[in-house]
């Protein structure tokens, strides 16, 4: 369900104004604007964390996502929306659709010379410093588990979840070893990790 937020008072830029704005400018060094994407309350493009502020800018949002999350590291994407909202995630979610940049036309609450998404539109930035520094998966781990590759996953049906059950593990304590050990103890022969903090079987 897509809902509107009546307390949002910012209005879209007039046609022609968008070209004079520095779209995607202002993020933390190492972050890069990668486009305007669709978003909704029921299918978030970025869903790990959220922040709202009357001084929102690309700089503030990317700063929050890069270092403002307790017990979570490796955030790869940040996005601004509705002028004053900021979202973070490890990946763009599968429901996201890339749109024309002019659809992200709301001025940022903290600096109207920058754009911060729009109504159900999110301006997305990627942490380019993480590119090329991603950890490699271990070929084998204790208990005879073996890495079988990277697979797609979806919240939608069809196709639905690749692994249907989620194992509860405290935030910040998910590792390959802890996930496979828990799944093995429950009698499962397949385990998977997702979003940097979820263990499924």
N, C-alpha and C. Protein backbone atom coordinates (compact mmCIF):
# COMPACT_ATOMS: atom_id res chain seq x y z
N UNK A 1 0.83 -1.18 0.00
CA UNK A 1 0.00 0.00 0.00
C UNK A 1 0.87 1.24 0.00
N UNK A 2 0.65 2.14 -0.91
CA UNK A 2 1.40 3.39 -0.97
C UNK A 2 0.56 4.45 -0.30
N UNK A 3 1.10 5.14 0.69
CA UNK A 3 0.36 6.18 1.39
C UNK A 3 1.02 7.52 1.20
N UNK A 4 0.25 8.57 1.39
CA UNK A 4 0.80 9.92 1.31
C UNK A 4 1.06 10.42 2.72
N UNK A 5 1.99 11.36 2.86
CA UNK A 5 2.30 11.92 4.16
C UNK A 5 1.86 13.37 4.17
N UNK A 6 0.70 13.69 4.81
CA UNK A 6 0.14 15.03 4.73
C UNK A 6 0.99 16.11 5.36
N UNK A 7 1.92 15.72 6.25
CA UNK A 7 2.75 16.74 6.91
C UNK A 7 3.90 17.21 6.05
N UNK A 8 4.05 16.63 4.87
CA UNK A 8 5.10 17.08 3.95
C UNK A 8 4.61 18.31 3.22
N UNK A 9 5.30 19.41 3.40
CA UNK A 9 4.84 20.66 2.78
C UNK A 9 5.63 21.04 1.55
N UNK A 10 6.77 20.39 1.31
CA UNK A 10 7.58 20.73 0.14
C UNK A 10 6.84 20.38 -1.14
N UNK A 11 6.99 21.19 -2.15
CA UNK A 11 6.34 20.91 -3.42
C UNK A 11 7.40 20.68 -4.48
N UNK A 12 7.06 19.92 -5.53
CA UNK A 12 8.03 19.65 -6.59
C UNK A 12 8.51 20.92 -7.26
N UNK A 13 9.70 20.89 -7.80
CA UNK A 13 10.24 22.03 -8.51
C UNK A 13 9.42 22.29 -9.78
N UNK A 14 9.35 23.53 -10.18
CA UNK A 14 8.70 23.87 -11.44
C UNK A 14 9.53 23.32 -12.59
N UNK A 15 8.87 23.02 -13.69
CA UNK A 15 9.56 22.48 -14.85
C UNK A 15 10.66 23.45 -15.29
N UNK A 16 11.85 22.95 -15.50
CA UNK A 16 12.97 23.79 -15.91
C UNK A 16 13.92 24.07 -14.78
N UNK A 17 13.42 24.08 -13.53
CA UNK A 17 14.28 24.34 -12.38
C UNK A 17 15.26 23.20 -12.14
N UNK A 18 14.83 21.99 -12.45
CA UNK A 18 15.65 20.82 -12.14
C UNK A 18 17.02 20.87 -12.80
N UNK A 19 17.10 21.45 -13.99
CA UNK A 19 18.37 21.51 -14.70
C UNK A 19 19.36 22.45 -14.04
N UNK A 20 18.86 23.38 -13.22
CA UNK A 20 19.76 24.34 -12.56
C UNK A 20 20.24 23.82 -11.21
N UNK A 21 19.62 22.76 -10.73
CA UNK A 21 20.02 22.19 -9.45
C UNK A 21 21.19 21.23 -9.65
N UNK A 22 22.00 21.07 -8.62
CA UNK A 22 23.12 20.14 -8.68
C UNK A 22 22.62 18.78 -8.20
N UNK A 23 21.92 18.06 -9.05
CA UNK A 23 21.34 16.78 -8.66
C UNK A 23 22.44 15.81 -8.23
N UNK A 24 22.27 15.24 -7.05
CA UNK A 24 23.24 14.26 -6.57
C UNK A 24 24.50 14.86 -6.01
N UNK A 25 24.61 16.17 -5.94
CA UNK A 25 25.82 16.80 -5.42
C UNK A 25 25.73 16.93 -3.91
N UNK A 26 26.86 16.83 -3.23
CA UNK A 26 26.89 17.06 -1.80
C UNK A 26 27.09 15.85 -0.91
N UNK A 27 27.20 14.63 -1.43
CA UNK A 27 27.40 13.49 -0.52
C UNK A 27 28.81 13.46 0.04
N UNK A 28 29.00 12.63 1.07
CA UNK A 28 30.31 12.43 1.66
C UNK A 28 31.29 11.96 0.58
N UNK A 29 32.55 12.37 0.71
CA UNK A 29 33.59 11.95 -0.23
C UNK A 29 33.60 10.43 -0.36
N UNK A 30 33.56 9.95 -1.59
CA UNK A 30 33.55 8.52 -1.84
C UNK A 30 32.17 7.98 -2.19
N UNK A 31 31.13 8.79 -1.92
CA UNK A 31 29.77 8.41 -2.29
C UNK A 31 29.41 9.08 -3.62
N UNK A 32 28.62 8.40 -4.43
CA UNK A 32 28.28 8.90 -5.76
C UNK A 32 26.79 8.74 -6.04
N UNK A 33 26.20 9.76 -6.64
CA UNK A 33 24.79 9.69 -7.01
C UNK A 33 24.62 8.67 -8.13
N UNK A 34 23.65 7.74 -7.97
CA UNK A 34 23.46 6.70 -8.98
C UNK A 34 22.08 6.70 -9.59
N UNK A 35 21.23 7.65 -9.20
CA UNK A 35 19.95 7.77 -9.88
C UNK A 35 18.75 7.97 -8.98
N UNK A 36 17.63 8.22 -9.65
CA UNK A 36 16.33 8.39 -9.01
C UNK A 36 15.56 7.08 -9.14
N UNK A 37 15.04 6.57 -8.03
CA UNK A 37 14.35 5.28 -8.04
C UNK A 37 12.95 5.40 -7.44
N UNK A 38 12.10 4.45 -7.80
CA UNK A 38 10.77 4.36 -7.22
C UNK A 38 10.88 3.90 -5.77
N UNK A 39 9.87 4.21 -4.96
CA UNK A 39 9.84 3.78 -3.57
C UNK A 39 8.40 3.79 -3.09
N UNK A 40 8.11 3.01 -2.06
CA UNK A 40 6.77 3.02 -1.46
C UNK A 40 6.87 2.50 -0.04
N UNK A 41 5.83 2.77 0.76
CA UNK A 41 5.82 2.31 2.15
C UNK A 41 5.83 0.79 2.24
N UNK A 42 5.21 0.13 1.28
CA UNK A 42 5.10 -1.32 1.33
C UNK A 42 6.26 -2.06 0.67
N UNK A 43 7.07 -1.33 -0.11
CA UNK A 43 8.21 -1.97 -0.79
C UNK A 43 9.36 -0.98 -0.85
N UNK A 44 10.05 -0.85 0.28
CA UNK A 44 11.13 0.13 0.37
C UNK A 44 12.31 -0.24 -0.53
N UNK A 45 12.84 0.77 -1.22
CA UNK A 45 14.03 0.59 -2.04
C UNK A 45 15.25 0.40 -1.15
N UNK A 46 15.28 1.13 -0.03
CA UNK A 46 16.34 1.01 0.99
C UNK A 46 15.63 0.84 2.33
N UNK A 47 15.95 -0.23 3.07
CA UNK A 47 15.11 -0.54 4.22
C UNK A 47 15.82 -0.85 5.54
N UNK A 48 17.14 -0.78 5.59
CA UNK A 48 17.85 -1.15 6.82
C UNK A 48 17.64 -0.12 7.93
N UNK A 49 17.67 1.17 7.59
CA UNK A 49 17.50 2.20 8.61
C UNK A 49 16.92 3.45 7.99
N UNK A 50 16.34 4.31 8.85
CA UNK A 50 15.68 5.51 8.38
C UNK A 50 15.96 6.66 9.34
N UNK A 51 16.09 7.86 8.80
CA UNK A 51 16.29 9.05 9.61
C UNK A 51 15.49 10.18 8.97
N UNK A 52 14.95 11.07 9.78
CA UNK A 52 14.20 12.22 9.28
C UNK A 52 14.76 13.46 9.94
N UNK A 53 14.97 14.53 9.16
CA UNK A 53 15.50 15.75 9.75
C UNK A 53 15.20 16.98 8.94
N UNK A 54 14.95 18.08 9.62
CA UNK A 54 14.61 19.34 8.96
C UNK A 54 15.81 19.97 8.26
N UNK A 55 17.01 19.41 8.49
CA UNK A 55 18.23 19.92 7.83
C UNK A 55 18.76 18.92 6.81
N UNK A 56 17.91 18.03 6.30
CA UNK A 56 18.36 16.95 5.43
C UNK A 56 19.02 17.45 4.14
N UNK A 57 20.16 16.86 3.83
CA UNK A 57 20.90 17.09 2.58
C UNK A 57 21.54 15.76 2.19
N UNK A 58 22.06 15.65 0.96
CA UNK A 58 22.81 14.44 0.61
C UNK A 58 23.99 14.20 1.55
N UNK A 59 24.65 15.28 1.98
CA UNK A 59 25.77 15.15 2.90
C UNK A 59 25.33 14.56 4.23
N UNK A 60 24.24 15.07 4.79
CA UNK A 60 23.76 14.58 6.08
C UNK A 60 23.34 13.12 5.98
N UNK A 61 22.65 12.77 4.91
CA UNK A 61 22.17 11.39 4.76
C UNK A 61 23.31 10.39 4.57
N UNK A 62 24.24 10.70 3.69
CA UNK A 62 25.36 9.77 3.48
C UNK A 62 26.24 9.68 4.71
N UNK A 63 26.35 10.76 5.47
CA UNK A 63 27.10 10.73 6.73
C UNK A 63 26.41 9.79 7.71
N UNK A 64 25.09 9.90 7.81
CA UNK A 64 24.32 9.03 8.70
C UNK A 64 24.48 7.56 8.32
N UNK A 65 24.34 7.27 7.03
CA UNK A 65 24.42 5.88 6.58
C UNK A 65 25.83 5.31 6.70
N UNK A 66 26.83 6.16 6.52
CA UNK A 66 28.20 5.69 6.59
C UNK A 66 28.65 5.41 8.01
N UNK A 67 28.17 6.18 8.97
CA UNK A 67 28.68 6.01 10.32
C UNK A 67 27.67 6.11 11.43
N UNK A 68 26.39 6.29 11.09
CA UNK A 68 25.40 6.53 12.13
C UNK A 68 24.61 5.30 12.55
N UNK A 69 25.01 4.12 12.09
CA UNK A 69 24.27 2.91 12.43
C UNK A 69 25.06 2.08 13.43
N UNK A 70 24.52 1.92 14.63
CA UNK A 70 25.20 1.13 15.65
C UNK A 70 25.21 -0.34 15.27
N UNK A 71 26.34 -0.98 15.43
CA UNK A 71 26.50 -2.42 15.21
C UNK A 71 26.32 -2.85 13.75
N UNK A 72 26.29 -1.91 12.83
CA UNK A 72 26.14 -2.26 11.41
C UNK A 72 27.22 -1.54 10.60
N UNK A 73 27.98 -2.29 9.82
CA UNK A 73 29.00 -1.70 8.97
C UNK A 73 28.79 -2.17 7.54
N UNK A 74 29.42 -1.49 6.60
CA UNK A 74 29.34 -1.91 5.21
C UNK A 74 28.12 -1.43 4.47
N UNK A 75 27.44 -0.39 4.99
CA UNK A 75 26.28 0.16 4.28
C UNK A 75 26.75 0.69 2.93
N UNK A 76 26.08 0.26 1.89
CA UNK A 76 26.52 0.56 0.53
C UNK A 76 25.66 1.60 -0.17
N UNK A 77 24.42 1.79 0.30
CA UNK A 77 23.52 2.73 -0.36
C UNK A 77 22.83 3.65 0.64
N UNK A 78 22.63 4.90 0.21
CA UNK A 78 21.89 5.89 0.98
C UNK A 78 20.93 6.58 0.03
N UNK A 79 19.81 7.06 0.55
CA UNK A 79 18.86 7.73 -0.32
C UNK A 79 18.04 8.77 0.41
N UNK A 80 17.74 9.87 -0.27
CA UNK A 80 16.93 10.94 0.31
C UNK A 80 15.57 10.97 -0.38
N UNK A 81 14.53 11.31 0.40
CA UNK A 81 13.15 11.27 -0.11
C UNK A 81 12.28 12.28 0.61
N UNK A 82 11.24 12.76 -0.05
CA UNK A 82 10.26 13.69 0.54
C UNK A 82 10.92 14.91 1.17
N UNK A 83 12.07 15.31 0.68
CA UNK A 83 12.81 16.50 1.15
C UNK A 83 13.55 16.30 2.46
N UNK A 84 13.01 15.50 3.38
CA UNK A 84 13.63 15.43 4.71
C UNK A 84 13.84 14.02 5.25
N UNK A 85 13.71 13.00 4.39
CA UNK A 85 13.91 11.63 4.84
C UNK A 85 15.19 11.03 4.26
N UNK A 86 15.81 10.14 5.04
CA UNK A 86 17.03 9.46 4.63
C UNK A 86 16.89 7.97 4.91
N UNK A 87 17.27 7.14 3.94
CA UNK A 87 17.20 5.69 4.09
C UNK A 87 18.56 5.08 3.76
N UNK A 88 18.86 3.93 4.39
CA UNK A 88 20.13 3.24 4.17
C UNK A 88 19.89 1.76 3.91
N UNK A 89 20.81 1.13 3.20
CA UNK A 89 20.71 -0.32 2.99
C UNK A 89 22.03 -0.85 2.44
N UNK A 90 22.17 -2.18 2.51
CA UNK A 90 23.34 -2.84 1.94
C UNK A 90 23.19 -2.98 0.43
N UNK A 91 21.94 -3.07 -0.04
CA UNK A 91 21.65 -3.26 -1.46
C UNK A 91 20.38 -2.54 -1.84
N UNK A 92 20.22 -2.27 -3.14
CA UNK A 92 18.93 -1.80 -3.65
C UNK A 92 18.00 -3.00 -3.66
N UNK A 93 16.79 -2.83 -3.16
CA UNK A 93 15.84 -3.92 -3.11
C UNK A 93 15.26 -4.22 -4.50
N UNK A 94 14.83 -5.45 -4.70
CA UNK A 94 14.41 -5.92 -6.01
C UNK A 94 13.22 -5.20 -6.62
N UNK A 95 12.43 -4.52 -5.78
CA UNK A 95 11.26 -3.83 -6.29
C UNK A 95 11.58 -2.45 -6.87
N UNK A 96 12.81 -1.98 -6.68
CA UNK A 96 13.19 -0.65 -7.12
C UNK A 96 13.25 -0.55 -8.65
N UNK A 97 12.72 0.55 -9.18
CA UNK A 97 12.76 0.83 -10.62
C UNK A 97 13.48 2.15 -10.83
N UNK A 98 14.50 2.14 -11.68
CA UNK A 98 15.23 3.38 -11.95
C UNK A 98 14.39 4.26 -12.87
N UNK A 99 14.30 5.55 -12.50
CA UNK A 99 13.47 6.50 -13.22
C UNK A 99 14.33 7.64 -13.77
N UNK A 100 13.71 8.54 -14.51
CA UNK A 100 14.42 9.75 -14.96
C UNK A 100 14.76 10.61 -13.76
N UNK A 101 15.93 11.25 -13.80
CA UNK A 101 16.37 12.07 -12.67
C UNK A 101 15.39 13.19 -12.34
N UNK A 102 14.66 13.69 -13.33
CA UNK A 102 13.76 14.82 -13.06
C UNK A 102 12.54 14.42 -12.23
N UNK A 103 12.35 13.11 -11.98
CA UNK A 103 11.26 12.69 -11.10
C UNK A 103 11.63 12.85 -9.63
N UNK A 104 12.92 12.99 -9.33
CA UNK A 104 13.37 13.30 -7.97
C UNK A 104 13.61 14.81 -7.92
N UNK A 105 12.57 15.55 -7.64
CA UNK A 105 12.64 17.01 -7.83
C UNK A 105 12.35 17.83 -6.58
N UNK A 106 12.11 17.18 -5.42
CA UNK A 106 11.84 17.95 -4.21
C UNK A 106 13.14 18.56 -3.68
N UNK A 107 13.12 19.84 -3.32
CA UNK A 107 14.33 20.45 -2.74
C UNK A 107 14.61 19.86 -1.36
N UNK A 108 15.88 19.70 -1.03
CA UNK A 108 16.25 19.18 0.29
C UNK A 108 15.84 20.18 1.37
N UNK A 109 15.35 19.67 2.49
CA UNK A 109 14.90 20.52 3.59
C UNK A 109 16.03 21.38 4.15
N UNK A 110 17.26 20.84 4.09
CA UNK A 110 18.39 21.56 4.66
C UNK A 110 19.13 22.45 3.69
N UNK A 111 18.87 22.32 2.40
CA UNK A 111 19.53 23.14 1.38
C UNK A 111 18.77 22.98 0.07
N UNK A 112 17.98 23.97 -0.27
CA UNK A 112 17.08 23.88 -1.42
C UNK A 112 17.81 23.89 -2.76
N UNK A 113 19.13 24.06 -2.76
CA UNK A 113 19.85 23.99 -4.04
C UNK A 113 20.12 22.53 -4.43
N UNK A 114 19.85 21.59 -3.53
CA UNK A 114 19.99 20.16 -3.82
C UNK A 114 18.62 19.51 -3.83
N UNK A 115 18.50 18.39 -4.54
CA UNK A 115 17.23 17.67 -4.58
C UNK A 115 17.29 16.44 -3.69
N UNK A 116 16.17 16.17 -3.01
CA UNK A 116 16.06 15.02 -2.10
C UNK A 116 14.81 14.23 -2.43
N UNK A 117 14.86 13.50 -3.54
CA UNK A 117 13.77 12.62 -3.91
C UNK A 117 12.49 13.32 -4.27
N UNK A 118 11.37 12.71 -3.86
CA UNK A 118 10.06 13.26 -4.15
C UNK A 118 9.00 12.38 -3.51
N UNK A 119 7.77 12.45 -3.99
CA UNK A 119 6.70 11.60 -3.49
C UNK A 119 6.87 10.20 -4.09
N UNK A 120 7.19 9.24 -3.26
CA UNK A 120 7.47 7.86 -3.70
C UNK A 120 8.63 7.81 -4.68
N UNK A 121 9.57 8.74 -4.52
CA UNK A 121 10.77 8.81 -5.35
C UNK A 121 11.96 9.05 -4.42
N UNK A 122 13.04 8.30 -4.63
CA UNK A 122 14.21 8.40 -3.75
C UNK A 122 15.48 8.63 -4.56
N UNK A 123 16.25 9.65 -4.16
CA UNK A 123 17.54 9.95 -4.78
C UNK A 123 18.59 9.06 -4.12
N UNK A 124 19.23 8.19 -4.91
CA UNK A 124 20.10 7.15 -4.34
C UNK A 124 21.58 7.45 -4.58
N UNK A 125 22.38 7.19 -3.54
CA UNK A 125 23.83 7.35 -3.57
C UNK A 125 24.48 6.02 -3.21
N UNK A 126 25.63 5.74 -3.83
CA UNK A 126 26.35 4.50 -3.55
C UNK A 126 27.72 4.80 -2.98
N UNK A 127 28.12 4.03 -1.97
CA UNK A 127 29.44 4.16 -1.36
C UNK A 127 30.46 3.47 -2.26
N UNK A 128 31.14 4.23 -3.10
CA UNK A 128 32.07 3.66 -4.07
C UNK A 128 33.35 3.16 -3.40
N UNK A 129 33.59 3.58 -2.15
CA UNK A 129 34.78 3.12 -1.44
C UNK A 129 34.70 1.64 -1.10
N UNK A 130 33.49 1.10 -1.08
CA UNK A 130 33.32 -0.32 -0.78
C UNK A 130 33.56 -1.18 -2.01
N UNK A 131 33.53 -0.57 -3.19
CA UNK A 131 33.73 -1.35 -4.40
C UNK A 131 35.17 -1.85 -4.47
N UNK A 132 35.36 -3.10 -4.74
CA UNK A 132 36.70 -3.67 -4.82
C UNK A 132 37.25 -4.10 -3.49
N UNK A 133 36.50 -3.78 -2.40
CA UNK A 133 36.95 -4.18 -1.07
C UNK A 133 35.99 -5.14 -0.40
N UNK A 134 35.13 -5.77 -1.19
CA UNK A 134 34.16 -6.69 -0.62
C UNK A 134 34.85 -7.97 -0.15
N UNK A 135 34.44 -8.48 1.00
CA UNK A 135 35.07 -9.71 1.51
C UNK A 135 34.74 -10.90 0.62
N UNK A 136 35.65 -11.85 0.55
CA UNK A 136 35.43 -13.06 -0.23
C UNK A 136 34.78 -14.12 0.66
N UNK A 137 33.92 -14.94 0.06
CA UNK A 137 33.30 -16.02 0.80
C UNK A 137 34.30 -17.15 1.01
N UNK A 138 34.19 -17.82 2.16
CA UNK A 138 35.07 -18.95 2.45
C UNK A 138 34.60 -20.16 1.66
N UNK A 139 35.54 -20.89 1.10
CA UNK A 139 35.18 -22.07 0.30
C UNK A 139 34.52 -23.14 1.16
N UNK A 140 35.03 -23.33 2.37
CA UNK A 140 34.44 -24.30 3.30
C UNK A 140 34.48 -23.72 4.70
N UNK A 141 33.57 -24.18 5.56
CA UNK A 141 33.58 -23.78 6.97
C UNK A 141 33.36 -25.02 7.82
N UNK A 142 33.52 -24.85 9.14
CA UNK A 142 33.40 -25.98 10.07
C UNK A 142 32.06 -26.69 9.90
N UNK A 143 32.09 -28.01 10.08
CA UNK A 143 30.87 -28.79 9.98
C UNK A 143 30.61 -29.35 8.59
N UNK A 144 31.58 -29.14 7.69
CA UNK A 144 31.44 -29.67 6.34
C UNK A 144 30.61 -28.83 5.40
N UNK A 145 30.32 -27.59 5.78
CA UNK A 145 29.56 -26.70 4.91
C UNK A 145 30.45 -26.18 3.78
N UNK A 146 29.89 -26.03 2.59
CA UNK A 146 30.64 -25.57 1.43
C UNK A 146 29.89 -24.45 0.72
N UNK A 147 30.61 -23.40 0.32
CA UNK A 147 30.00 -22.28 -0.39
C UNK A 147 29.53 -22.73 -1.77
N UNK A 148 28.25 -22.46 -2.08
CA UNK A 148 27.66 -22.91 -3.33
C UNK A 148 27.34 -21.76 -4.29
N UNK A 149 27.70 -20.54 -3.93
CA UNK A 149 27.48 -19.42 -4.85
C UNK A 149 26.46 -18.42 -4.35
N UNK A 150 26.29 -17.34 -5.13
CA UNK A 150 25.37 -16.26 -4.83
C UNK A 150 24.07 -16.48 -5.61
N UNK A 151 22.94 -16.43 -4.92
CA UNK A 151 21.65 -16.69 -5.55
C UNK A 151 20.70 -15.51 -5.35
N UNK A 152 19.74 -15.36 -6.25
CA UNK A 152 18.75 -14.29 -6.12
C UNK A 152 17.75 -14.66 -5.03
N UNK A 153 17.09 -13.61 -4.48
CA UNK A 153 16.07 -13.80 -3.47
C UNK A 153 15.00 -12.74 -3.67
N UNK A 154 13.80 -12.99 -3.19
CA UNK A 154 12.71 -12.05 -3.40
C UNK A 154 11.69 -12.14 -2.28
N UNK A 155 11.12 -10.98 -1.91
CA UNK A 155 10.04 -10.97 -0.94
C UNK A 155 8.71 -11.30 -1.63
N UNK A 156 8.68 -11.13 -2.95
CA UNK A 156 7.44 -11.29 -3.70
C UNK A 156 7.16 -12.74 -4.03
N UNK A 157 5.89 -13.05 -4.25
CA UNK A 157 5.49 -14.39 -4.70
C UNK A 157 4.66 -14.26 -5.97
N UNK A 158 4.98 -14.99 -7.06
CA UNK A 158 6.25 -15.72 -7.20
C UNK A 158 7.40 -14.76 -7.49
N UNK A 159 8.67 -15.16 -7.34
CA UNK A 159 9.13 -16.50 -7.00
C UNK A 159 9.19 -16.78 -5.52
N UNK A 160 9.16 -15.74 -4.70
CA UNK A 160 9.20 -15.96 -3.26
C UNK A 160 10.62 -16.17 -2.75
N UNK A 161 10.71 -16.43 -1.45
CA UNK A 161 12.00 -16.61 -0.80
C UNK A 161 12.76 -17.84 -1.31
N UNK A 162 14.07 -17.67 -1.50
CA UNK A 162 14.91 -18.81 -1.87
C UNK A 162 15.01 -19.78 -0.71
N UNK A 163 15.16 -19.25 0.51
CA UNK A 163 15.13 -20.04 1.75
C UNK A 163 14.01 -19.47 2.61
N UNK A 164 13.09 -20.30 3.01
CA UNK A 164 11.82 -19.81 3.56
C UNK A 164 11.82 -19.44 5.03
N UNK A 165 12.80 -19.90 5.82
CA UNK A 165 12.78 -19.64 7.25
C UNK A 165 13.98 -18.78 7.66
N UNK A 166 13.74 -17.90 8.62
CA UNK A 166 14.81 -17.02 9.10
C UNK A 166 15.20 -17.42 10.52
N UNK A 167 16.50 -17.54 10.74
CA UNK A 167 17.03 -17.88 12.06
C UNK A 167 17.30 -16.59 12.82
N UNK A 168 16.86 -16.52 14.06
CA UNK A 168 17.05 -15.33 14.88
C UNK A 168 18.47 -15.27 15.44
N UNK A 169 19.20 -14.23 15.04
CA UNK A 169 20.57 -14.02 15.52
C UNK A 169 20.71 -12.56 15.92
N UNK A 170 21.30 -12.26 17.08
CA UNK A 170 21.45 -10.87 17.51
C UNK A 170 22.20 -10.03 16.47
N UNK A 171 21.73 -8.79 16.29
CA UNK A 171 22.37 -7.88 15.35
C UNK A 171 23.85 -7.72 15.67
N UNK A 172 24.67 -7.78 14.66
CA UNK A 172 26.10 -7.63 14.84
C UNK A 172 26.82 -8.92 15.15
N UNK A 173 26.07 -10.05 15.31
CA UNK A 173 26.70 -11.32 15.66
C UNK A 173 26.54 -12.38 14.57
N UNK A 174 26.05 -11.97 13.39
CA UNK A 174 25.87 -12.93 12.31
C UNK A 174 27.20 -13.15 11.59
N UNK A 175 27.64 -14.39 11.53
CA UNK A 175 28.81 -14.77 10.75
C UNK A 175 28.44 -16.01 9.94
N UNK A 176 29.30 -16.38 8.99
CA UNK A 176 29.06 -17.60 8.23
C UNK A 176 29.00 -18.79 9.18
N UNK A 177 29.92 -18.82 10.15
CA UNK A 177 30.00 -19.94 11.08
C UNK A 177 28.78 -20.01 11.99
N UNK A 178 28.33 -18.86 12.51
CA UNK A 178 27.17 -18.89 13.42
C UNK A 178 25.90 -19.28 12.69
N UNK A 179 25.77 -18.84 11.44
CA UNK A 179 24.58 -19.16 10.66
C UNK A 179 24.52 -20.65 10.31
N UNK A 180 25.63 -21.18 9.79
CA UNK A 180 25.63 -22.60 9.41
C UNK A 180 25.49 -23.50 10.64
N UNK A 181 26.08 -23.09 11.77
CA UNK A 181 25.97 -23.89 12.99
C UNK A 181 24.52 -23.95 13.46
N UNK A 182 23.83 -22.80 13.44
CA UNK A 182 22.44 -22.77 13.86
C UNK A 182 21.56 -23.60 12.93
N UNK A 183 21.77 -23.46 11.63
CA UNK A 183 20.96 -24.20 10.67
C UNK A 183 21.21 -25.70 10.79
N UNK A 184 22.48 -26.08 10.99
CA UNK A 184 22.81 -27.50 11.16
C UNK A 184 22.16 -28.08 12.40
N UNK A 185 22.16 -27.29 13.49
CA UNK A 185 21.55 -27.76 14.74
C UNK A 185 20.05 -27.97 14.60
N UNK A 186 19.44 -27.24 13.68
CA UNK A 186 18.00 -27.37 13.44
C UNK A 186 17.68 -28.45 12.40
N UNK A 187 18.73 -29.10 11.89
CA UNK A 187 18.52 -30.20 10.96
C UNK A 187 18.49 -29.82 9.50
N UNK A 188 18.87 -28.59 9.18
CA UNK A 188 18.86 -28.15 7.79
C UNK A 188 20.22 -28.37 7.13
N UNK A 189 20.22 -28.62 5.85
CA UNK A 189 21.47 -28.86 5.11
C UNK A 189 21.84 -27.69 4.21
N UNK A 190 21.00 -26.66 4.17
CA UNK A 190 21.28 -25.47 3.36
C UNK A 190 21.12 -24.25 4.24
N UNK A 191 22.04 -23.30 4.11
CA UNK A 191 21.96 -22.04 4.86
C UNK A 191 22.33 -20.90 3.93
N UNK A 192 21.86 -19.72 4.23
CA UNK A 192 22.19 -18.55 3.42
C UNK A 192 22.23 -17.29 4.25
N UNK A 193 23.07 -16.35 3.84
CA UNK A 193 23.17 -15.08 4.54
C UNK A 193 22.78 -13.96 3.59
N UNK A 194 22.12 -12.93 4.14
CA UNK A 194 21.61 -11.84 3.31
C UNK A 194 21.65 -10.53 4.07
N UNK A 195 21.78 -9.43 3.36
CA UNK A 195 21.80 -8.08 3.93
C UNK A 195 22.91 -7.86 4.96
N UNK A 196 23.86 -8.78 5.04
CA UNK A 196 24.95 -8.62 5.98
C UNK A 196 24.57 -8.95 7.42
N UNK A 197 23.29 -9.24 7.67
CA UNK A 197 22.86 -9.46 9.05
C UNK A 197 21.72 -10.46 9.20
N UNK A 198 21.35 -11.15 8.13
CA UNK A 198 20.27 -12.12 8.21
C UNK A 198 20.78 -13.52 7.88
N UNK A 199 20.26 -14.52 8.62
CA UNK A 199 20.60 -15.92 8.39
C UNK A 199 19.31 -16.68 8.11
N UNK A 200 19.27 -17.38 6.97
CA UNK A 200 18.06 -18.09 6.57
C UNK A 200 18.37 -19.54 6.24
N UNK A 201 17.35 -20.38 6.34
CA UNK A 201 17.49 -21.77 5.95
C UNK A 201 16.15 -22.28 5.42
